[in-house]
Structure formats: structure tokens, C-alpha cells
């Protein structure tokens, strides 16, 4: 049960520290357009546009974006622009393990 609690805690942290501004800044740092992020994350371009515009998206969608960008070596902290992690794996759990993954936008 402790591992489930830890997983839920990590997801909550990722959801609150990964912002729409982070997403746009990270794409810029990587030189990716929305199409590239869509291909890499399996999130639709429309959902990325909504998220970056500040509209709500499903938690699993937001986690998929954070997970994808962290896999590229970026880290996210509230109030700061994304940074490059030095051999640090991101804190966002793989959203493919979530029961609602099929609902990704």
C-alpha cells in the first residue's frame, strides 16, 4: 500500500509543478513545435494548445506531457523556467500505467 501512496503523491507533485508556461518554455528549449510534442507524447495538438492556453486538460494528459519532456532531461520547479537535469530522471511517473491512460486527449 505504501508504494501506491508514493505513486499518488508523485503524480500530485508533478501535476502541480508542471505548468502551461513550463510546457511552452520546454518546447522552445528543445526546438519542438506542437506537432513534435504531440508525436513524442501521444497527446493531441488540440490538447497541447488548450493546456498551453491555460485551459483544463485531464490529469493523464498533463502527466503525459510532463513525462515526455522530463524524458528529454528537463526538470520543472514552480516559479522557474525549465532546467536541464544532470543525470536526474524526472519525478513524473509513467502515465501509461494509469487506468485512465486510454482517455489521453
PDB file of N, CA and C in Angstrom:
ATOM      1  N   UNK A   1       0.814  -1.193   0.000  1.00  0.00           N
ATOM      2  CA  UNK A   1       0.000   0.000   0.000  1.00  0.00           C
ATOM      3  C   UNK A   1       0.863   1.266   0.000  1.00  0.00           C
ATOM      4  N   UNK A   2       2.039   1.205   0.631  1.00  0.00           N
ATOM      5  CA  UNK A   2       2.916   2.372   0.684  1.00  0.00           C
ATOM      6  C   UNK A   2       3.354   2.800  -0.713  1.00  0.00           C
ATOM      7  N   UNK A   3       3.600   1.840  -1.603  1.00  0.00           N
ATOM      8  CA  UNK A   3       4.037   2.203  -2.948  1.00  0.00           C
ATOM      9  C   UNK A   3       2.919   2.910  -3.720  1.00  0.00           C
ATOM     10  N   UNK A   4       1.671   2.520  -3.495  1.00  0.00           N
ATOM     11  CA  UNK A   4       0.545   3.202  -4.135  1.00  0.00           C
ATOM     12  C   UNK A   4       0.443   4.635  -3.618  1.00  0.00           C
ATOM     13  N   UNK A   5       0.603   4.822  -2.327  1.00  0.00           N
ATOM     14  CA  UNK A   5       0.562   6.166  -1.743  1.00  0.00           C
ATOM     15  C   UNK A   5       1.690   7.025  -2.306  1.00  0.00           C
ATOM     16  N   UNK A   6       2.866   6.446  -2.462  1.00  0.00           N
ATOM     17  CA  UNK A   6       4.006   7.180  -3.012  1.00  0.00           C
ATOM     18  C   UNK A   6       3.743   7.554  -4.471  1.00  0.00           C
ATOM     19  N   UNK A   7       3.186   6.634  -5.230  1.00  0.00           N
ATOM     20  CA  UNK A   7       2.878   6.903  -6.636  1.00  0.00           C
ATOM     21  C   UNK A   7       1.875   8.046  -6.757  1.00  0.00           C
ATOM     22  N   UNK A   8       0.845   8.013  -5.944  1.00  0.00           N
ATOM     23  CA  UNK A   8      -0.170   9.069  -5.968  1.00  0.00           C
ATOM     24  C   UNK A   8       0.455  10.409  -5.574  1.00  0.00           C
ATOM     25  N   UNK A   9       1.321  10.389  -4.577  1.00  0.00           N
ATOM     26  CA  UNK A   9       1.998  11.610  -4.141  1.00  0.00           C
ATOM     27  C   UNK A   9       2.867  12.182  -5.252  1.00  0.00           C
ATOM     28  N   UNK A  10       3.629  11.327  -5.928  1.00  0.00           N
ATOM     29  CA  UNK A  10       4.470  11.792  -7.035  1.00  0.00           C
ATOM     30  C   UNK A  10       3.638  12.370  -8.166  1.00  0.00           C
ATOM     31  N   UNK A  11       2.502  11.747  -8.462  1.00  0.00           N
ATOM     32  CA  UNK A  11       1.625  12.278  -9.501  1.00  0.00           C
ATOM     33  C   UNK A  11       1.095  13.651  -9.119  1.00  0.00           C
ATOM     34  N   UNK A  12       0.678  13.823  -7.872  1.00  0.00           N
ATOM     35  CA  UNK A  12       0.160  15.119  -7.406  1.00  0.00           C
ATOM     36  C   UNK A  12       1.232  16.192  -7.512  1.00  0.00           C
ATOM     37  N   UNK A  13       2.462  15.858  -7.106  1.00  0.00           N
ATOM     38  CA  UNK A  13       3.559  16.820  -7.200  1.00  0.00           C
ATOM     39  C   UNK A  13       3.776  17.225  -8.655  1.00  0.00           C
ATOM     40  N   UNK A  14       3.833  16.242  -9.541  1.00  0.00           N
ATOM     41  CA  UNK A  14       4.044  16.526 -10.965  1.00  0.00           C
ATOM     42  C   UNK A  14       2.926  17.395 -11.525  1.00  0.00           C
ATOM     43  N   UNK A  15       1.697  17.113 -11.142  1.00  0.00           N
ATOM     44  CA  UNK A  15       0.565  17.874 -11.662  1.00  0.00           C
ATOM     45  C   UNK A  15       0.626  19.335 -11.239  1.00  0.00           C
ATOM     46  N   UNK A  16       1.076  19.605 -10.028  1.00  0.00           N
ATOM     47  CA  UNK A  16       1.089  20.976  -9.541  1.00  0.00           C
ATOM     48  C   UNK A  16       2.340  21.745  -9.907  1.00  0.00           C
ATOM     49  N   UNK A  17       3.444  21.072 -10.178  1.00  0.00           N
ATOM     50  CA  UNK A  17       4.641  21.836 -10.503  1.00  0.00           C
ATOM     51  C   UNK A  17       4.855  21.992 -12.008  1.00  0.00           C
ATOM     52  N   UNK A  18       4.138  21.254 -12.840  1.00  0.00           N
ATOM     53  CA  UNK A  18       4.261  21.378 -14.292  1.00  0.00           C
ATOM     54  C   UNK A  18       3.144  22.280 -14.804  1.00  0.00           C
ATOM     55  N   UNK A  19       3.493  23.474 -15.265  1.00  0.00           N
ATOM     56  CA  UNK A  19       2.513  24.476 -15.659  1.00  0.00           C
ATOM     57  C   UNK A  19       2.422  24.611 -17.186  1.00  0.00           C
ATOM     58  N   UNK A  20       1.353  25.253 -17.668  1.00  0.00           N
ATOM     59  CA  UNK A  20       1.266  25.518 -19.112  1.00  0.00           C
ATOM     60  C   UNK A  20       2.470  26.313 -19.628  1.00  0.00           C
ATOM     61  N   UNK A  21       2.946  27.262 -18.838  1.00  0.00           N
ATOM     62  CA  UNK A  21       4.109  28.043 -19.243  1.00  0.00           C
ATOM     63  C   UNK A  21       5.345  27.148 -19.347  1.00  0.00           C
ATOM     64  N   UNK A  22       5.490  26.208 -18.418  1.00  0.00           N
ATOM     65  CA  UNK A  22       6.599  25.259 -18.494  1.00  0.00           C
ATOM     66  C   UNK A  22       6.568  24.493 -19.815  1.00  0.00           C
ATOM     67  N   UNK A  23       5.376  24.065 -20.216  1.00  0.00           N
ATOM     68  CA  UNK A  23       5.235  23.276 -21.441  1.00  0.00           C
ATOM     69  C   UNK A  23       5.733  24.071 -22.642  1.00  0.00           C
ATOM     70  N   UNK A  24       5.281  25.313 -22.765  1.00  0.00           N
ATOM     71  CA  UNK A  24       5.699  26.152 -23.891  1.00  0.00           C
ATOM     72  C   UNK A  24       7.200  26.448 -23.836  1.00  0.00           C
ATOM     73  N   UNK A  25       7.723  26.733 -22.644  1.00  0.00           N
ATOM     74  CA  UNK A  25       9.148  27.018 -22.493  1.00  0.00           C
ATOM     75  C   UNK A  25       9.987  25.783 -22.830  1.00  0.00           C
ATOM     76  N   UNK A  26       9.528  24.629 -22.405  1.00  0.00           N
ATOM     77  CA  UNK A  26      10.264  23.388 -22.673  1.00  0.00           C
ATOM     78  C   UNK A  26      10.296  23.099 -24.169  1.00  0.00           C
ATOM     79  N   UNK A  27       9.164  23.286 -24.833  1.00  0.00           N
ATOM     80  CA  UNK A  27       9.151  23.076 -26.286  1.00  0.00           C
ATOM     81  C   UNK A  27      10.157  23.992 -26.962  1.00  0.00           C
ATOM     82  N   UNK A  28      10.188  25.247 -26.513  1.00  0.00           N
ATOM     83  CA  UNK A  28      11.116  26.219 -27.081  1.00  0.00           C
ATOM     84  C   UNK A  28      12.563  25.789 -26.840  1.00  0.00           C
ATOM     85  N   UNK A  29      12.866  25.331 -25.627  1.00  0.00           N
ATOM     86  CA  UNK A  29      14.227  24.885 -25.303  1.00  0.00           C
ATOM     87  C   UNK A  29      14.658  23.724 -26.189  1.00  0.00           C
ATOM     88  N   UNK A  30      13.715  22.831 -26.478  1.00  0.00           N
ATOM     89  CA  UNK A  30      14.021  21.650 -27.291  1.00  0.00           C
ATOM     90  C   UNK A  30      13.952  21.927 -28.787  1.00  0.00           C
ATOM     91  N   UNK A  31      13.393  23.087 -29.152  1.00  0.00           N
ATOM     92  CA  UNK A  31      13.217  23.390 -30.573  1.00  0.00           C
ATOM     93  C   UNK A  31      12.069  22.606 -31.191  1.00  0.00           C
ATOM     94  N   UNK A  32      11.109  22.205 -30.354  1.00  0.00           N
ATOM     95  CA  UNK A  32       9.969  21.412 -30.818  1.00  0.00           C
ATOM     96  C   UNK A  32       8.767  22.306 -31.053  1.00  0.00           C
ATOM     97  N   UNK A  33       8.026  21.998 -32.111  1.00  0.00           N
ATOM     98  CA  UNK A  33       6.715  22.618 -32.273  1.00  0.00           C
ATOM     99  C   UNK A  33       5.676  21.697 -31.630  1.00  0.00           C
ATOM    100  N   UNK A  34       4.417  22.110 -31.673  1.00  0.00           N
ATOM    101  CA  UNK A  34       3.370  21.302 -31.040  1.00  0.00           C
ATOM    102  C   UNK A  34       3.204  19.946 -31.716  1.00  0.00           C
ATOM    103  N   UNK A  35       3.442  19.889 -33.012  1.00  0.00           N
ATOM    104  CA  UNK A  35       3.339  18.614 -33.724  1.00  0.00           C
ATOM    105  C   UNK A  35       4.368  17.607 -33.196  1.00  0.00           C
ATOM    106  N   UNK A  36       5.587  18.073 -32.983  1.00  0.00           N
ATOM    107  CA  UNK A  36       6.645  17.179 -32.468  1.00  0.00           C
ATOM    108  C   UNK A  36       6.301  16.695 -31.061  1.00  0.00           C
ATOM    109  N   UNK A  37       5.849  17.618 -30.195  1.00  0.00           N
ATOM    110  CA  UNK A  37       5.475  17.219 -28.844  1.00  0.00           C
ATOM    111  C   UNK A  37       4.316  16.240 -28.882  1.00  0.00           C
ATOM    112  N   UNK A  38       3.394  16.444 -29.797  1.00  0.00           N
ATOM    113  CA  UNK A  38       2.257  15.539 -29.951  1.00  0.00           C
ATOM    114  C   UNK A  38       2.730  14.132 -30.319  1.00  0.00           C
ATOM    115  N   UNK A  39       3.650  14.056 -31.278  1.00  0.00           N
ATOM    116  CA  UNK A  39       4.178  12.747 -31.692  1.00  0.00           C
ATOM    117  C   UNK A  39       4.916  12.056 -30.547  1.00  0.00           C
ATOM    118  N   UNK A  40       5.715  12.802 -29.826  1.00  0.00           N
ATOM    119  CA  UNK A  40       6.543  12.228 -28.766  1.00  0.00           C
ATOM    120  C   UNK A  40       5.732  11.817 -27.533  1.00  0.00           C
ATOM    121  N   UNK A  41       4.642  12.545 -27.247  1.00  0.00           N
ATOM    122  CA  UNK A  41       3.888  12.332 -26.007  1.00  0.00           C
ATOM    123  C   UNK A  41       2.586  11.560 -26.194  1.00  0.00           C
ATOM    124  N   UNK A  42       2.136  11.392 -27.431  1.00  0.00           N
ATOM    125  CA  UNK A  42       0.834  10.790 -27.747  1.00  0.00           C
ATOM    126  C   UNK A  42      -0.341  11.656 -27.299  1.00  0.00           C
ATOM    127  N   UNK A  43      -0.088  12.934 -27.090  1.00  0.00           N
ATOM    128  CA  UNK A  43      -1.137  13.895 -26.733  1.00  0.00           C
ATOM    129  C   UNK A  43      -1.486  14.673 -27.997  1.00  0.00           C
ATOM    130  N   UNK A  44      -2.762  14.901 -28.228  1.00  0.00           N
ATOM    131  CA  UNK A  44      -3.169  15.601 -29.449  1.00  0.00           C
ATOM    132  C   UNK A  44      -2.694  17.058 -29.436  1.00  0.00           C
ATOM    133  N   UNK A  45      -2.494  17.609 -30.631  1.00  0.00           N
ATOM    134  CA  UNK A  45      -2.100  19.009 -30.768  1.00  0.00           C
ATOM    135  C   UNK A  45      -3.161  19.901 -30.124  1.00  0.00           C
ATOM    136  N   UNK A  46      -4.424  19.547 -30.298  1.00  0.00           N
ATOM    137  CA  UNK A  46      -5.510  20.354 -29.724  1.00  0.00           C
ATOM    138  C   UNK A  46      -5.423  20.396 -28.204  1.00  0.00           C
ATOM    139  N   UNK A  47      -5.090  19.271 -27.571  1.00  0.00           N
ATOM    140  CA  UNK A  47      -4.957  19.238 -26.112  1.00  0.00           C
ATOM    141  C   UNK A  47      -3.752  20.066 -25.664  1.00  0.00           C
ATOM    142  N   UNK A  48      -2.660  20.005 -26.410  1.00  0.00           N
ATOM    143  CA  UNK A  48      -1.478  20.812 -26.087  1.00  0.00           C
ATOM    144  C   UNK A  48      -1.827  22.291 -26.191  1.00  0.00           C
ATOM    145  N   UNK A  49      -2.540  22.672 -27.248  1.00  0.00           N
ATOM    146  CA  UNK A  49      -2.954  24.064 -27.407  1.00  0.00           C
ATOM    147  C   UNK A  49      -3.822  24.517 -26.234  1.00  0.00           C
ATOM    148  N   UNK A  50      -4.785  23.676 -25.839  1.00  0.00           N
ATOM    149  CA  UNK A  50      -5.657  24.021 -24.706  1.00  0.00           C
ATOM    150  C   UNK A  50      -4.843  24.173 -23.431  1.00  0.00           C
ATOM    151  N   UNK A  51      -3.951  23.228 -23.175  1.00  0.00           N
ATOM    152  CA  UNK A  51      -3.146  23.269 -21.958  1.00  0.00           C
ATOM    153  C   UNK A  51      -2.289  24.528 -21.914  1.00  0.00           C
ATOM    154  N   UNK A  52      -1.569  24.813 -22.999  1.00  0.00           N
ATOM    155  CA  UNK A  52      -0.687  25.978 -23.013  1.00  0.00           C
ATOM    156  C   UNK A  52      -1.468  27.291 -22.948  1.00  0.00           C
ATOM    157  N   UNK A  53      -2.731  27.270 -23.359  1.00  0.00           N
ATOM    158  CA  UNK A  53      -3.582  28.465 -23.264  1.00  0.00           C
ATOM    159  C   UNK A  53      -4.186  28.617 -21.866  1.00  0.00           C
ATOM    160  N   UNK A  54      -3.934  27.647 -20.991  1.00  0.00           N
ATOM    161  CA  UNK A  54      -4.410  27.754 -19.619  1.00  0.00           C
ATOM    162  C   UNK A  54      -5.722  27.060 -19.333  1.00  0.00           C
ATOM    163  N   UNK A  55      -6.231  26.309 -20.308  1.00  0.00           N
ATOM    164  CA  UNK A  55      -7.479  25.575 -20.094  1.00  0.00           C
ATOM    165  C   UNK A  55      -7.178  24.232 -19.432  1.00  0.00           C
ATOM    166  N   UNK A  56      -8.164  23.692 -18.769  1.00  0.00           N
ATOM    167  CA  UNK A  56      -8.003  22.408 -18.089  1.00  0.00           C
ATOM    168  C   UNK A  56      -7.881  21.270 -19.102  1.00  0.00           C
ATOM    169  N   UNK A  57      -7.034  20.320 -18.790  1.00  0.00           N
ATOM    170  CA  UNK A  57      -6.936  19.055 -19.515  1.00  0.00           C
ATOM    171  C   UNK A  57      -6.956  17.954 -18.466  1.00  0.00           C
ATOM    172  N   UNK A  58      -7.178  16.743 -18.898  1.00  0.00           N
ATOM    173  CA  UNK A  58      -7.190  15.617 -17.959  1.00  0.00           C
ATOM    174  C   UNK A  58      -5.829  15.454 -17.290  1.00  0.00           C
ATOM    175  N   UNK A  59      -5.847  14.953 -16.077  1.00  0.00           N
ATOM    176  CA  UNK A  59      -4.590  14.717 -15.354  1.00  0.00           C
ATOM    177  C   UNK A  59      -3.651  13.827 -16.149  1.00  0.00           C
ATOM    178  N   UNK A  60      -4.181  12.782 -16.753  1.00  0.00           N
ATOM    179  CA  UNK A  60      -3.332  11.848 -17.505  1.00  0.00           C
ATOM    180  C   UNK A  60      -2.680  12.551 -18.697  1.00  0.00           C
ATOM    181  N   UNK A  61      -3.359  13.505 -19.292  1.00  0.00           N
ATOM    182  CA  UNK A  61      -2.797  14.269 -20.408  1.00  0.00           C
ATOM    183  C   UNK A  61      -1.642  15.132 -19.918  1.00  0.00           C
ATOM    184  N   UNK A  62      -1.861  15.819 -18.822  1.00  0.00           N
ATOM    185  CA  UNK A  62      -0.828  16.676 -18.242  1.00  0.00           C
ATOM    186  C   UNK A  62       0.397  15.847 -17.826  1.00  0.00           C
ATOM    187  N   UNK A  63       0.156  14.689 -17.237  1.00  0.00           N
ATOM    188  CA  UNK A  63       1.259  13.811 -16.836  1.00  0.00           C
ATOM    189  C   UNK A  63       2.034  13.300 -18.049  1.00  0.00           C
ATOM    190  N   UNK A  64       1.320  12.988 -19.131  1.00  0.00           N
ATOM    191  CA  UNK A  64       1.993  12.506 -20.340  1.00  0.00           C
ATOM    192  C   UNK A  64       2.925  13.574 -20.906  1.00  0.00           C
ATOM    193  N   UNK A  65       2.488  14.829 -20.869  1.00  0.00           N
ATOM    194  CA  UNK A  65       3.338  15.921 -21.351  1.00  0.00           C
ATOM    195  C   UNK A  65       4.569  16.074 -20.457  1.00  0.00           C
ATOM    196  N   UNK A  66       4.351  16.098 -19.149  1.00  0.00           N
ATOM    197  CA  UNK A  66       5.472  16.249 -18.212  1.00  0.00           C
ATOM    198  C   UNK A  66       6.452  15.088 -18.349  1.00  0.00           C
ATOM    199  N   UNK A  67       5.932  13.872 -18.424  1.00  0.00           N
ATOM    200  CA  UNK A  67       6.778  12.681 -18.529  1.00  0.00           C
ATOM    201  C   UNK A  67       7.628  12.743 -19.801  1.00  0.00           C
ATOM    202  N   UNK A  68       7.000  13.115 -20.904  1.00  0.00           N
ATOM    203  CA  UNK A  68       7.708  13.194 -22.186  1.00  0.00           C
ATOM    204  C   UNK A  68       8.839  14.216 -22.128  1.00  0.00           C
ATOM    205  N   UNK A  69       8.562  15.384 -21.581  1.00  0.00           N
ATOM    206  CA  UNK A  69       9.575  16.434 -21.535  1.00  0.00           C
ATOM    207  C   UNK A  69      10.677  16.115 -20.524  1.00  0.00           C
ATOM    208  N   UNK A  70      10.322  15.466 -19.427  1.00  0.00           N
ATOM    209  CA  UNK A  70      11.339  15.055 -18.463  1.00  0.00           C
ATOM    210  C   UNK A  70      12.240  13.967 -19.061  1.00  0.00           C
ATOM    211  N   UNK A  71      11.684  13.144 -19.930  1.00  0.00           N
ATOM    212  CA  UNK A  71      12.488  12.111 -20.592  1.00  0.00           C
ATOM    213  C   UNK A  71      13.567  12.737 -21.479  1.00  0.00           C
ATOM    214  N   UNK A  72      13.386  14.008 -21.836  1.00  0.00           N
ATOM    215  CA  UNK A  72      14.369  14.734 -22.634  1.00  0.00           C
ATOM    216  C   UNK A  72      15.407  15.433 -21.743  1.00  0.00           C
ATOM    217  N   UNK A  73      15.327  15.181 -20.427  1.00  0.00           N
ATOM    218  CA  UNK A  73      16.311  15.730 -19.498  1.00  0.00           C
ATOM    219  C   UNK A  73      15.927  17.042 -18.852  1.00  0.00           C
ATOM    220  N   UNK A  74      14.677  17.459 -18.993  1.00  0.00           N
ATOM    221  CA  UNK A  74      14.235  18.716 -18.391  1.00  0.00           C
ATOM    222  C   UNK A  74      13.621  18.470 -17.024  1.00  0.00           C
ATOM    223  N   UNK A  75      13.775  19.449 -16.141  1.00  0.00           N
ATOM    224  CA  UNK A  75      13.168  19.390 -14.819  1.00  0.00           C
ATOM    225  C   UNK A  75      12.329  20.647 -14.625  1.00  0.00           C
ATOM    226  N   UNK A  76      11.287  20.525 -13.795  1.00  0.00           N
ATOM    227  CA  UNK A  76      10.336  21.611 -13.614  1.00  0.00           C
ATOM    228  C   UNK A  76      10.137  21.921 -12.138  1.00  0.00           C
ATOM    229  N   UNK A  77      10.251  23.215 -11.794  1.00  0.00           N
ATOM    230  CA  UNK A  77      10.008  23.684 -10.442  1.00  0.00           C
ATOM    231  C   UNK A  77       9.107  24.905 -10.515  1.00  0.00           C
ATOM    232  N   UNK A  78       8.144  25.010  -9.622  1.00  0.00           N
ATOM    233  CA  UNK A  78       7.229  26.155  -9.637  1.00  0.00           C
ATOM    234  C   UNK A  78       7.991  27.482  -9.577  1.00  0.00           C
ATOM    235  N   UNK A  79       7.593  28.411 -10.437  1.00  0.00           N
ATOM    236  CA  UNK A  79       8.181  29.743 -10.436  1.00  0.00           C
ATOM    237  C   UNK A  79       9.483  29.887 -11.195  1.00  0.00           C
ATOM    238  N   UNK A  80       9.983  28.804 -11.785  1.00  0.00           N
ATOM    239  CA  UNK A  80      11.241  28.848 -12.520  1.00  0.00           C
ATOM    240  C   UNK A  80      11.043  28.297 -13.925  1.00  0.00           C
ATOM    241  N   UNK A  81      11.884  28.755 -14.847  1.00  0.00           N
ATOM    242  CA  UNK A  81      11.853  28.176 -16.183  1.00  0.00           C
ATOM    243  C   UNK A  81      12.400  26.754 -16.103  1.00  0.00           C
ATOM    244  N   UNK A  82      12.045  25.899 -17.055  1.00  0.00           N
ATOM    245  CA  UNK A  82      12.574  24.529 -17.039  1.00  0.00           C
ATOM    246  C   UNK A  82      14.097  24.551 -17.063  1.00  0.00           C
ATOM    247  N   UNK A  83      14.675  23.549 -16.451  1.00  0.00           N
ATOM    248  CA  UNK A  83      16.130  23.433 -16.447  1.00  0.00           C
ATOM    249  C   UNK A  83      16.542  22.068 -16.955  1.00  0.00           C
ATOM    250  N   UNK A  84      17.803  21.954 -17.259  1.00  0.00           N
ATOM    251  CA  UNK A  84      18.352  20.666 -17.689  1.00  0.00           C
ATOM    252  C   UNK A  84      18.823  19.923 -16.453  1.00  0.00           C
ATOM    253  N   UNK A  85      18.307  18.715 -16.278  1.00  0.00           N
ATOM    254  CA  UNK A  85      18.737  17.883 -15.159  1.00  0.00           C
ATOM    255  C   UNK A  85      19.994  17.135 -15.543  1.00  0.00           C
ATOM    256  N   UNK A  86      20.962  17.100 -14.653  1.00  0.00           N
ATOM    257  CA  UNK A  86      22.206  16.376 -14.926  1.00  0.00           C
ATOM    258  C   UNK A  86      22.060  14.952 -14.413  1.00  0.00           C
ATOM    259  N   UNK A  87      21.776  14.042 -15.312  1.00  0.00           N
ATOM    260  CA  UNK A  87      21.598  12.631 -14.965  1.00  0.00           C
ATOM    261  C   UNK A  87      20.519  12.420 -13.902  1.00  0.00           C
ATOM    262  N   UNK A  88      19.522  13.269 -13.923  1.00  0.00           N
ATOM    263  CA  UNK A  88      18.405  13.136 -12.982  1.00  0.00           C
ATOM    264  C   UNK A  88      17.181  12.730 -13.767  1.00  0.00           C
ATOM    265  N   UNK A  89      16.613  11.631 -13.401  1.00  0.00           N
ATOM    266  CA  UNK A  89      15.376  11.213 -14.041  1.00  0.00           C
ATOM    267  C   UNK A  89      14.245  12.001 -13.416  1.00  0.00           C
ATOM    268  N   UNK A  90      13.292  12.420 -14.222  1.00  0.00           N
ATOM    269  CA  UNK A  90      12.187  13.212 -13.718  1.00  0.00           C
ATOM    270  C   UNK A  90      11.357  12.484 -12.674  1.00  0.00           C
ATOM    271  N   UNK A  91      10.602  13.266 -11.939  1.00  0.00           N
ATOM    272  CA  UNK A  91       9.790  12.723 -10.849  1.00  0.00           C
ATOM    273  C   UNK A  91       8.427  12.244 -11.332  1.00  0.00           C
ATOM    274  N   UNK A  92       8.073  12.546 -12.556  1.00  0.00           N
ATOM    275  CA  UNK A  92       6.750  12.185 -13.052  1.00  0.00           C
ATOM    276  C   UNK A  92       6.695  10.700 -13.386  1.00  0.00           C
ATOM    277  N   UNK A  93       5.759   9.968 -12.767  1.00  0.00           N
ATOM    278  CA  UNK A  93       5.615   8.546 -13.085  1.00  0.00           C
ATOM    279  C   UNK A  93       5.101   8.356 -14.518  1.00  0.00           C
ATOM    280  N   UNK A  94       5.434   7.246 -15.110  1.00  0.00           N
ATOM    281  CA  UNK A  94       4.979   6.941 -16.461  1.00  0.00           C
ATOM    282  C   UNK A  94       3.450   6.851 -16.467  1.00  0.00           C
ATOM    283  N   UNK A  95       2.775   7.729 -17.215  1.00  0.00           N
ATOM    284  CA  UNK A  95       1.316   7.731 -17.201  1.00  0.00           C
ATOM    285  C   UNK A  95       0.686   6.520 -17.888  1.00  0.00           C
ATOM    286  N   UNK A  96       1.480   5.756 -18.642  1.00  0.00           N
ATOM    287  CA  UNK A  96       0.919   4.596 -19.332  1.00  0.00           C
ATOM    288  C   UNK A  96       0.417   3.547 -18.347  1.00  0.00           C
ATOM    289  N   UNK A  97       0.886   3.616 -17.107  1.00  0.00           N
ATOM    290  CA  UNK A  97       0.466   2.655 -16.092  1.00  0.00           C
ATOM    291  C   UNK A  97      -0.856   3.034 -15.435  1.00  0.00           C
ATOM    292  N   UNK A  98      -1.356   4.220 -15.727  1.00  0.00           N
ATOM    293  CA  UNK A  98      -2.617   4.674 -15.120  1.00  0.00           C
ATOM    294  C   UNK A  98      -3.804   3.978 -15.784  1.00  0.00           C
ATOM    295  N   UNK A  99      -4.825   3.663 -15.000  1.00  0.00           N
ATOM    296  CA  UNK A  99      -6.011   3.011 -15.589  1.00  0.00           C
ATOM    297  C   UNK A  99      -6.754   3.926 -16.572  1.00  0.00           C
ATOM    298  N   UNK A 100      -6.576   5.235 -16.459  1.00  0.00           N
ATOM    299  CA  UNK A 100      -7.273   6.154 -17.366  1.00  0.00           C
ATOM    300  C   UNK A 100      -6.417   6.565 -18.556  1.00  0.00           C
ATOM    301  N   UNK A 101      -5.304   5.854 -18.812  1.00  0.00           N
ATOM    302  CA  UNK A 101      -4.426   6.227 -19.919  1.00  0.00           C
ATOM    303  C   UNK A 101      -5.159   6.220 -21.256  1.00  0.00           C
ATOM    304  N   UNK A 102      -6.111   5.344 -21.426  1.00  0.00           N
ATOM    305  CA  UNK A 102      -6.856   5.284 -22.689  1.00  0.00           C
ATOM    306  C   UNK A 102      -7.645   6.565 -22.952  1.00  0.00           C
ATOM    307  N   UNK A 103      -7.808   7.387 -21.925  1.00  0.00           N
ATOM    308  CA  UNK A 103      -8.563   8.629 -22.065  1.00  0.00           C
ATOM    309  C   UNK A 103      -7.674   9.820 -22.394  1.00  0.00           C
ATOM    310  N   UNK A 104      -6.378   9.561 -22.682  1.00  0.00           N
ATOM    311  CA  UNK A 104      -5.463  10.650 -23.003  1.00  0.00           C
ATOM    312  C   UNK A 104      -6.050  11.460 -24.150  1.00  0.00           C
ATOM    313  N   UNK A 105      -5.886  12.754 -24.061  1.00  0.00           N
ATOM    314  CA  UNK A 105      -6.506  13.642 -25.063  1.00  0.00           C
ATOM    315  C   UNK A 105      -5.625  13.802 -26.278  1.00  0.00           C
TER     316      UNK A 105
END
